[in-house]
Protein backbone atom coordinates (compact mmCIF):
# COMPACT_ATOMS: atom_id res chain seq x y z
CA MET A 1 -29.96 20.72 -6.65
CA ARG A 2 -29.92 19.89 -2.81
CA LEU A 3 -27.83 22.33 -0.71
CA MET A 4 -25.26 20.48 1.76
CA SER A 5 -25.99 20.78 5.46
CA GLU A 6 -23.00 22.07 7.61
CA THR A 7 -22.59 18.73 9.23
CA GLN A 8 -21.64 17.15 6.30
CA ASP A 9 -17.74 16.16 5.57
CA PHE A 10 -16.26 16.93 2.00
CA ARG A 11 -12.51 16.34 2.50
CA THR A 12 -10.03 17.48 -0.20
CA ARG A 13 -6.59 16.60 0.10
CA ARG A 14 -3.83 16.95 -2.74
CA LEU A 15 -0.85 14.77 -2.88
CA PRO A 16 1.82 15.92 -0.43
CA ARG A 17 5.19 16.52 -1.81
CA GLU A 18 6.51 14.55 1.47
CA TYR A 19 5.91 11.45 2.87
CA ASP A 20 3.94 11.31 6.01
CA GLU A 21 5.29 8.13 7.17
CA LEU A 22 7.59 5.32 6.40
CA ALA A 23 5.46 1.90 6.54
CA PRO A 24 6.91 -0.84 8.30
CA ASP A 25 7.94 -2.43 5.06
CA GLY A 26 10.13 0.57 4.25
CA SER A 27 8.01 2.47 1.58
CA GLU A 28 7.13 6.22 1.65
CA ILE A 29 3.58 6.74 2.36
CA ARG A 30 1.32 9.97 2.00
CA VAL A 31 -1.85 9.59 3.21
CA LEU A 32 -4.79 10.71 1.23
CA LEU A 33 -7.86 10.34 2.78
CA SER A 34 -9.10 8.43 5.78
CA THR A 35 -12.51 7.75 7.11
CA GLY A 36 -13.99 5.80 9.78
CA ARG A 37 -14.04 2.81 7.29
CA GLY A 38 -11.32 3.06 4.92
CA GLN A 39 -8.08 5.02 3.94
CA LEU A 40 -6.77 5.95 0.72
CA THR A 41 -2.67 6.15 0.45
CA HIS A 42 -0.44 6.83 -2.29
CA CYS A 43 2.73 4.63 -1.91
CA THR A 44 6.57 4.95 -3.41
CA LEU A 45 9.44 2.64 -3.48
CA HIS A 46 12.61 3.92 -5.16
CA PRO A 47 14.57 2.47 -8.14
CA GLY A 48 16.71 -0.44 -6.63
CA GLU A 49 14.96 -0.75 -3.25
CA THR A 50 13.44 -3.83 -2.05
CA SER A 51 10.41 -3.55 0.87
CA ARG A 52 10.80 -5.81 4.04
CA ALA A 53 8.45 -8.48 4.08
CA ILE A 54 5.46 -8.34 6.15
CA SER A 55 1.98 -9.70 7.02
CA HIS A 56 -1.26 -7.85 8.32
CA ARG A 57 -2.83 -9.06 11.22
CA THR A 58 -6.29 -7.67 10.30
CA VAL A 59 -6.69 -5.26 7.69
CA GLU A 60 -6.84 -5.91 3.99
CA GLU A 61 -5.52 -4.00 1.05
CA ILE A 62 -6.15 -3.16 -2.61
CA TRP A 63 -2.92 -1.94 -4.43
CA TYR A 64 -3.31 -0.13 -8.03
CA CYS A 65 0.09 0.83 -9.82
CA LEU A 66 0.28 4.07 -11.22
CA GLU A 67 3.82 4.33 -12.23
CA GLY A 68 6.84 2.71 -12.34
CA GLN A 69 7.94 -1.43 -12.47
CA GLY A 70 8.13 -3.71 -9.47
CA LYS A 71 7.58 -7.11 -8.83
CA ILE A 72 5.29 -8.32 -5.68
CA TRP A 73 5.77 -11.62 -4.07
CA ARG A 74 2.76 -13.02 -1.99
CA ARG A 75 2.20 -16.36 0.23
CA ARG A 76 -0.84 -17.57 2.15
CA ASP A 77 -0.66 -21.32 3.20
CA GLU A 78 0.53 -23.43 0.37
CA ALA A 79 -0.12 -20.76 -2.33
CA GLU A 80 2.56 -18.66 -3.59
CA GLN A 81 2.81 -16.09 -6.60
CA VAL A 82 5.11 -13.48 -7.50
CA VAL A 83 3.46 -10.97 -9.98
CA GLU A 84 4.78 -8.11 -12.40
CA PHE A 85 3.56 -4.63 -10.70
CA LYS A 86 3.25 -2.14 -13.63
CA PRO A 87 0.58 0.38 -14.54
CA GLY A 88 -2.88 -1.13 -14.63
CA VAL A 89 -1.95 -4.04 -12.59
CA CYS A 90 -4.24 -4.27 -9.13
CA VAL A 91 -3.62 -6.82 -6.58
CA SER A 92 -5.10 -7.87 -3.37
CA ILE A 93 -3.37 -8.03 0.28
CA THR A 94 -5.41 -10.11 2.63
CA PRO A 95 -5.07 -10.69 6.21
CA GLY A 96 -2.45 -12.66 7.26
CA THR A 97 -0.69 -12.89 3.91
CA SER A 98 3.02 -12.80 3.51
CA PHE A 99 4.35 -9.93 0.85
CA GLN A 100 7.03 -8.08 -0.31
CA PHE A 101 7.81 -6.02 -2.99
CA ARG A 102 10.36 -4.67 -5.05
CA ASN A 103 11.19 -1.85 -7.51
CA THR A 104 12.69 -3.60 -10.81
CA GLY A 105 12.62 -0.21 -12.97
CA GLN A 106 14.85 2.88 -13.45
CA ARG A 107 11.77 5.29 -12.00
CA SER A 108 10.03 5.04 -8.53
CA LEU A 109 7.25 2.78 -8.20
CA GLU A 110 4.26 4.59 -7.51
CA PHE A 111 0.82 3.20 -6.37
CA ILE A 112 -2.21 3.91 -4.43
CA ILE A 113 -3.59 1.71 -1.38
CA ALA A 114 -7.12 1.31 -0.29
CA THR A 115 -6.69 0.07 3.31
CA ILE A 116 -9.84 -1.54 5.01
CA PRO A 117 -10.40 -1.05 7.74
CA PRO A 118 -8.18 2.12 8.53
CA TRP A 119 -4.44 1.48 9.26
CA PRO A 120 -4.55 1.11 13.12
CA GLY A 121 -0.59 1.52 13.65
CA ASP A 122 2.63 -0.40 13.08
CA GLN A 123 1.62 -2.98 15.25
CA GLU A 124 -0.63 -4.15 12.53
CA ALA A 125 2.46 -5.45 10.44
CA ALA A 126 4.31 -8.53 11.45
CA ILE A 127 7.70 -8.52 9.95
CA LEU A 128 9.01 -11.78 8.31
CA GLU A 129 11.64 -13.70 6.12
CA GLY A 130 11.03 -12.41 2.43
CA LEU A 131 11.64 -13.84 -1.02
CA TRP A 132 14.49 -11.28 -1.50
CA ASP A 133 17.10 -9.66 0.71
């Protein structure tokens, strides 16, 4: 086994109890880890809640549902789709895609988000008119 040098970066973080920030869409974001190339976050939307519709200017995301039940609306150019979002389902959000999500279940909707490159700040999100109020 090779010994690690002091310059290598091994980071470890547990899921925080409290959220770090509210996303521009209104969901709770807990940052897990961030590197120069990407970021991994945990997202929560409580029962009965619907996010604001937004689009990203430059980042792309991959979402993986851990718990709960919901729906995601996505639209880009002429393509539009609403999909069930439940444990085991993975979706992509590419730059310029309009999207919105809602919790349709009795438990919190919880999912992991990989953001590439890392989230640059709230100016990244453009608030739009969505499918749901």
